[in-house]
Amino acid sequence: MNLLPHRRSVASIEVSEEAGVRYLHFGSPWIQGAMRIARPWSLELEYTRDMMMPLLLRSAKWPRTALLIGLGAASLTKFLYRNRPRSVLTVVEIDAAVVRTAAQFFRLPVDPSRIAIEIGDGNDFVAATDGEFDLILVDGFDAKSRIGKLDTLEFYRNCRTRLTGQGVLVANFLNARRGLPQSLERMSETFDGRAFALPHCASGNVIALAASGEPIAMSLGAMRTAARRLKLETGLDLLPAVARLEQTQIAGSDRFAL
């Protein structure tokens, strides 16, 4: 991947723009986040759209509370803030410079009543907090694509403890990682087999979901209906993700269960 033109540096963080899209880099060519300048609330990168798949699986009032580990370009934070106006969001970001960059270049909202920003390690936060969350989103890669303690049995166990009875954990992985099968095994072990990896998107990212509490079971037809409704309500199009499920995961079955 080539570096894009018009780069502006903030400490070790770089911001670039091309064809109406602003990109975030952590001192490397790899894209860590993106925002289409004309549509700052939309999810520009496919993997971030995949991370919103749980919105098809729960009610329109869900999630009431969400924990986001890794801020990046604030794409997921902005989307939930705008489209789930009753949700209270907690964001844990290890680098304060990322928060400043998201506010300066990526329109991170300032609303302490609904968005709490914590500067710290996501693994340590989950281990120490007594908060409960309907949704936990993990997107914590560094400049060298390392995820560290955010991919351990201890971390997943702590996440499960912090999930509500409607809880879903979503984690972003890189398909190129040799340890991906082991990562998915750790999630599955922690959640008693209630873990599932979506078919990888074009960038190679693999989004994994794990659930606790109330079982999830719905037909692919119901998922398509929910995706069409979500698209009308928010502009987010998850129909391609549902189509990938139809083509690969269920192998003849018309039901999704988690």
Protein backbone atom coordinates (compact mmCIF):
# COMPACT_ATOMS: atom_id res chain seq x y z
CA MET A 1 0.00 0.00 0.00
CA ASN A 2 1.43 3.39 -0.97
CA LEU A 3 1.39 6.38 1.28
CA LEU A 4 -1.19 8.91 0.23
CA PRO A 5 -0.41 12.56 -0.60
CA HIS A 6 -1.01 15.65 1.57
CA ARG A 7 0.32 14.04 4.74
CA ARG A 8 0.20 15.97 8.01
CA SER A 9 2.01 14.62 11.04
CA VAL A 10 0.81 14.72 14.65
CA ALA A 11 3.60 13.18 16.74
CA SER A 12 3.98 9.64 15.29
CA ILE A 13 0.49 9.86 13.80
CA GLU A 14 -0.05 10.83 10.18
CA VAL A 15 -3.17 12.12 8.44
CA SER A 16 -3.50 12.01 4.65
CA GLU A 17 -6.19 12.86 2.12
CA GLU A 18 -7.06 11.55 -1.31
CA ALA A 19 -10.21 11.79 -3.46
CA GLY A 20 -12.32 13.25 -0.67
CA VAL A 21 -11.28 10.69 1.96
CA ARG A 22 -9.14 11.45 4.99
CA TYR A 23 -6.97 8.63 6.33
CA LEU A 24 -5.24 7.91 9.63
CA HIS A 25 -1.82 6.19 9.82
CA PHE A 26 0.21 5.24 12.88
CA GLY A 27 3.64 6.06 11.51
CA SER A 28 3.33 3.51 8.68
CA PRO A 29 1.59 3.18 5.30
CA TRP A 30 -1.14 1.01 6.82
CA ILE A 31 -4.53 2.69 7.06
CA GLN A 32 -5.80 2.74 10.64
CA GLY A 33 -9.00 4.67 9.95
CA ALA A 34 -10.77 6.70 7.30
CA MET A 35 -13.47 9.33 6.93
CA ARG A 36 -15.17 10.53 3.77
CA ILE A 37 -15.12 14.26 4.34
CA ALA A 38 -18.56 14.80 2.81
CA ARG A 39 -20.06 12.05 5.02
CA PRO A 40 -18.17 12.17 8.32
CA TRP A 41 -20.72 10.01 10.18
CA SER A 42 -20.60 7.14 7.71
CA LEU A 43 -18.40 4.04 7.94
CA GLU A 44 -15.94 4.33 5.06
CA LEU A 45 -13.96 1.11 5.57
CA GLU A 46 -15.65 -2.23 4.98
CA TYR A 47 -14.31 -3.85 8.13
CA THR A 48 -15.88 -1.13 10.28
CA ARG A 49 -19.21 -1.85 8.61
CA ASP A 50 -18.77 -5.54 9.38
CA MET A 51 -18.20 -4.63 13.03
CA MET A 52 -21.75 -3.28 13.15
CA MET A 53 -23.25 -6.67 12.23
CA PRO A 54 -24.63 -7.13 15.80
CA LEU A 55 -27.08 -4.30 15.10
CA LEU A 56 -28.96 -6.81 12.93
CA LEU A 57 -29.13 -9.32 15.78
CA ARG A 58 -30.59 -7.24 18.59
CA SER A 59 -33.43 -4.70 18.93
CA ALA A 60 -33.34 -1.13 17.61
CA LYS A 61 -32.84 0.15 21.18
CA TRP A 62 -29.65 -1.88 21.56
CA PRO A 63 -26.94 -1.23 22.66
CA ARG A 64 -27.68 0.86 25.72
CA THR A 65 -23.99 0.84 26.67
CA ALA A 66 -20.95 0.18 24.52
CA LEU A 67 -17.24 -0.13 25.22
CA LEU A 68 -14.88 0.65 22.33
CA ILE A 69 -11.25 -0.37 22.73
CA GLY A 70 -9.16 1.60 20.26
CA LEU A 71 -10.40 4.95 18.95
CA GLY A 72 -8.59 5.26 15.62
CA ALA A 73 -10.39 7.76 13.39
CA ALA A 74 -13.45 7.56 15.67
CA SER A 75 -15.58 5.97 12.92
CA LEU A 76 -17.39 3.47 15.15
CA THR A 77 -17.77 6.00 17.95
CA LYS A 78 -19.35 8.58 15.64
CA PHE A 79 -21.65 6.06 14.01
CA LEU A 80 -23.05 4.78 17.30
CA TYR A 81 -23.26 8.29 18.75
CA ARG A 82 -25.34 9.50 15.81
CA ASN A 83 -27.46 6.43 15.11
CA ARG A 84 -28.05 5.07 18.60
CA PRO A 85 -28.86 8.33 20.42
CA ARG A 86 -29.75 6.58 23.69
CA SER A 87 -26.44 4.76 23.87
CA VAL A 88 -23.73 5.71 26.34
CA LEU A 89 -20.25 5.07 24.98
CA THR A 90 -16.96 4.43 26.76
CA VAL A 91 -13.84 4.66 24.60
CA VAL A 92 -10.47 3.37 25.81
CA GLU A 93 -7.49 4.63 23.81
CA ILE A 94 -3.90 4.05 24.88
CA ASP A 95 -2.47 7.14 23.13
CA ALA A 96 -3.77 10.61 23.99
CA ALA A 97 -2.41 11.88 20.67
CA VAL A 98 -4.90 9.65 18.84
CA VAL A 99 -7.75 11.32 20.73
CA ARG A 100 -6.43 14.78 19.83
CA THR A 101 -6.07 13.75 16.19
CA ALA A 102 -9.60 12.33 16.09
CA ALA A 103 -10.97 15.57 17.49
CA GLN A 104 -8.95 17.80 15.16
CA PHE A 105 -9.21 15.89 11.88
CA PHE A 106 -12.01 13.31 12.20
CA ARG A 107 -14.82 15.21 13.97
CA LEU A 108 -14.88 13.23 17.19
CA PRO A 109 -17.91 14.61 19.11
CA VAL A 110 -17.40 16.27 22.46
CA ASP A 111 -20.30 15.16 24.65
CA PRO A 112 -19.26 14.02 28.15
CA SER A 113 -22.84 12.99 28.91
CA ARG A 114 -22.66 10.23 26.30
CA ILE A 115 -18.99 9.72 25.38
CA ALA A 116 -16.40 8.99 28.08
CA ILE A 117 -12.81 8.90 26.83
CA GLU A 118 -10.36 6.91 28.93
CA ILE A 119 -6.63 7.12 28.19
CA GLY A 120 -5.16 3.75 29.06
CA ASP A 121 -4.61 0.12 28.15
CA GLY A 122 -7.77 -1.68 27.03
CA ASN A 123 -6.78 -4.96 28.67
CA ASP A 124 -6.16 -3.24 32.00
CA PHE A 125 -9.41 -1.29 31.75
CA VAL A 126 -11.55 -4.38 31.18
CA ALA A 127 -9.81 -6.17 34.06
CA ALA A 128 -10.45 -3.29 36.48
CA THR A 129 -13.82 -1.84 35.51
CA ASP A 130 -17.07 -2.74 37.22
CA GLY A 131 -19.11 -1.39 34.31
CA GLU A 132 -21.43 -3.56 32.23
CA PHE A 133 -21.79 -3.26 28.47
CA ASP A 134 -24.22 -4.53 25.86
CA LEU A 135 -21.52 -4.24 23.20
CA ILE A 136 -17.73 -4.42 23.37
CA LEU A 137 -15.82 -3.49 20.19
CA VAL A 138 -12.11 -4.36 20.04
CA ASP A 139 -10.00 -2.70 17.34
CA GLY A 140 -6.66 -2.21 18.99
CA PHE A 141 -3.85 -2.84 16.49
CA ASP A 142 -0.62 -0.86 16.73
CA ALA A 143 1.55 0.40 13.83
CA LYS A 144 3.00 -3.11 13.37
CA SER A 145 -0.42 -4.81 13.36
CA ARG A 146 0.13 -6.25 16.84
CA ILE A 147 -2.84 -6.76 19.14
CA GLY A 148 -0.99 -7.90 22.27
CA LYS A 149 -3.01 -8.77 25.36
CA LEU A 150 -6.28 -7.96 23.58
CA ASP A 151 -6.13 -11.49 22.18
CA THR A 152 -5.71 -13.65 25.28
CA LEU A 153 -7.95 -15.99 27.24
CA GLU A 154 -7.75 -13.69 30.25
CA PHE A 155 -8.89 -10.70 28.20
CA TYR A 156 -11.81 -12.58 26.65
CA ARG A 157 -12.86 -13.91 30.04
CA ASN A 158 -12.84 -10.41 31.48
CA CYS A 159 -14.88 -9.18 28.51
CA ARG A 160 -17.46 -11.91 29.08
CA THR A 161 -17.73 -10.93 32.73
CA ARG A 162 -18.44 -7.33 31.72
CA LEU A 163 -21.12 -8.17 29.13
CA THR A 164 -24.81 -7.87 30.00
CA GLY A 165 -27.43 -10.52 29.31
CA GLN A 166 -27.75 -9.00 25.83
CA GLY A 167 -24.00 -8.77 25.40
CA VAL A 168 -21.98 -9.16 22.21
CA LEU A 169 -18.21 -8.94 21.81
CA VAL A 170 -16.82 -7.93 18.40
CA ALA A 171 -13.12 -8.14 17.54
CA ASN A 172 -11.20 -7.10 14.43
CA PHE A 173 -8.45 -9.44 13.22
CA LEU A 174 -6.17 -9.45 10.21
CA ASN A 175 -6.64 -12.51 8.02
CA ALA A 176 -2.90 -12.48 7.27
CA ARG A 177 -2.06 -13.23 10.91
CA ARG A 178 -0.77 -16.76 11.27
CA GLY A 179 -2.40 -17.01 14.70
CA LEU A 180 -5.95 -16.27 13.55
CA PRO A 181 -7.28 -19.84 14.07
CA GLN A 182 -5.88 -19.83 17.61
CA SER A 183 -7.48 -16.44 18.28
CA LEU A 184 -10.87 -17.76 17.22
CA GLU A 185 -10.37 -20.87 19.34
CA ARG A 186 -9.70 -18.70 22.40
CA MET A 187 -12.90 -16.74 21.81
CA SER A 188 -14.91 -19.91 21.26
CA GLU A 189 -13.51 -21.52 24.42
CA THR A 190 -14.32 -18.46 26.50
CA PHE A 191 -17.87 -18.16 25.19
CA ASP A 192 -18.74 -21.89 25.28
CA GLY A 193 -18.71 -22.19 21.52
CA ARG A 194 -20.83 -19.09 20.95
CA ALA A 195 -18.28 -17.39 18.71
CA PHE A 196 -18.26 -16.92 14.97
CA ALA A 197 -15.97 -15.33 12.36
CA LEU A 198 -17.55 -13.51 9.45
CA PRO A 199 -16.13 -14.24 5.99
CA HIS A 200 -13.16 -11.91 5.47
CA CYS A 201 -13.77 -8.61 3.72
CA ALA A 202 -11.80 -7.33 0.71
CA SER A 203 -9.08 -5.77 2.89
CA GLY A 204 -8.41 -9.13 4.55
CA ASN A 205 -9.88 -8.13 7.90
CA VAL A 206 -11.86 -10.79 9.72
CA ILE A 207 -14.52 -9.72 12.19
CA ALA A 208 -15.34 -12.18 14.96
CA LEU A 209 -18.44 -12.09 17.14
CA ALA A 210 -19.07 -13.77 20.48
CA ALA A 211 -22.24 -13.62 22.54
CA SER A 212 -23.31 -14.15 26.11
CA GLY A 213 -26.71 -14.26 27.74
CA GLU A 214 -29.81 -14.39 25.54
CA PRO A 215 -29.27 -16.72 22.56
CA ILE A 216 -29.33 -15.30 19.04
CA ALA A 217 -31.07 -17.25 16.29
CA MET A 218 -32.55 -15.83 13.11
CA SER A 219 -32.99 -16.76 9.49
CA LEU A 220 -30.86 -15.20 6.79
CA GLY A 221 -34.07 -13.83 5.34
CA ALA A 222 -34.74 -12.02 8.62
CA MET A 223 -31.16 -10.72 8.57
CA ARG A 224 -31.68 -9.34 5.06
CA THR A 225 -34.88 -7.63 6.20
CA ALA A 226 -33.07 -6.16 9.20
CA ALA A 227 -30.21 -5.00 6.95
CA ARG A 228 -32.61 -3.22 4.60
CA ARG A 229 -34.27 -1.50 7.55
CA LEU A 230 -30.93 -0.46 9.02
CA LYS A 231 -29.85 0.95 5.66
CA LEU A 232 -33.00 3.09 5.48
CA GLU A 233 -32.53 4.29 9.04
CA THR A 234 -28.78 4.94 9.08
CA GLY A 235 -27.36 4.63 5.56
CA LEU A 236 -25.27 1.64 6.65
CA ASP A 237 -25.45 -1.14 4.07
CA LEU A 238 -24.86 -4.57 5.60
CA LEU A 239 -26.54 -6.45 2.76
CA PRO A 240 -23.12 -7.33 1.22
CA ALA A 241 -22.03 -8.82 4.55
CA VAL A 242 -25.21 -10.88 4.75
CA ALA A 243 -24.60 -12.04 1.16
CA ARG A 244 -21.12 -13.22 2.14
CA LEU A 245 -22.71 -15.25 4.92
CA GLU A 246 -25.11 -16.82 2.47
CA GLN A 247 -22.27 -17.80 0.15
CA THR A 248 -19.93 -19.29 2.74
CA GLN A 249 -20.79 -19.76 6.38
CA ILE A 250 -24.01 -21.61 6.66
CA ALA A 251 -23.47 -24.15 3.88
CA GLY A 252 -27.05 -24.88 3.01
CA SER A 253 -28.66 -23.78 6.27
CA ASP A 254 -30.86 -20.69 6.26
CA ARG A 255 -30.28 -19.85 9.92
CA PHE A 256 -27.69 -17.91 11.85
CA ALA A 257 -27.18 -18.80 15.50
CA LEU A 258 -24.84 -17.40 18.11
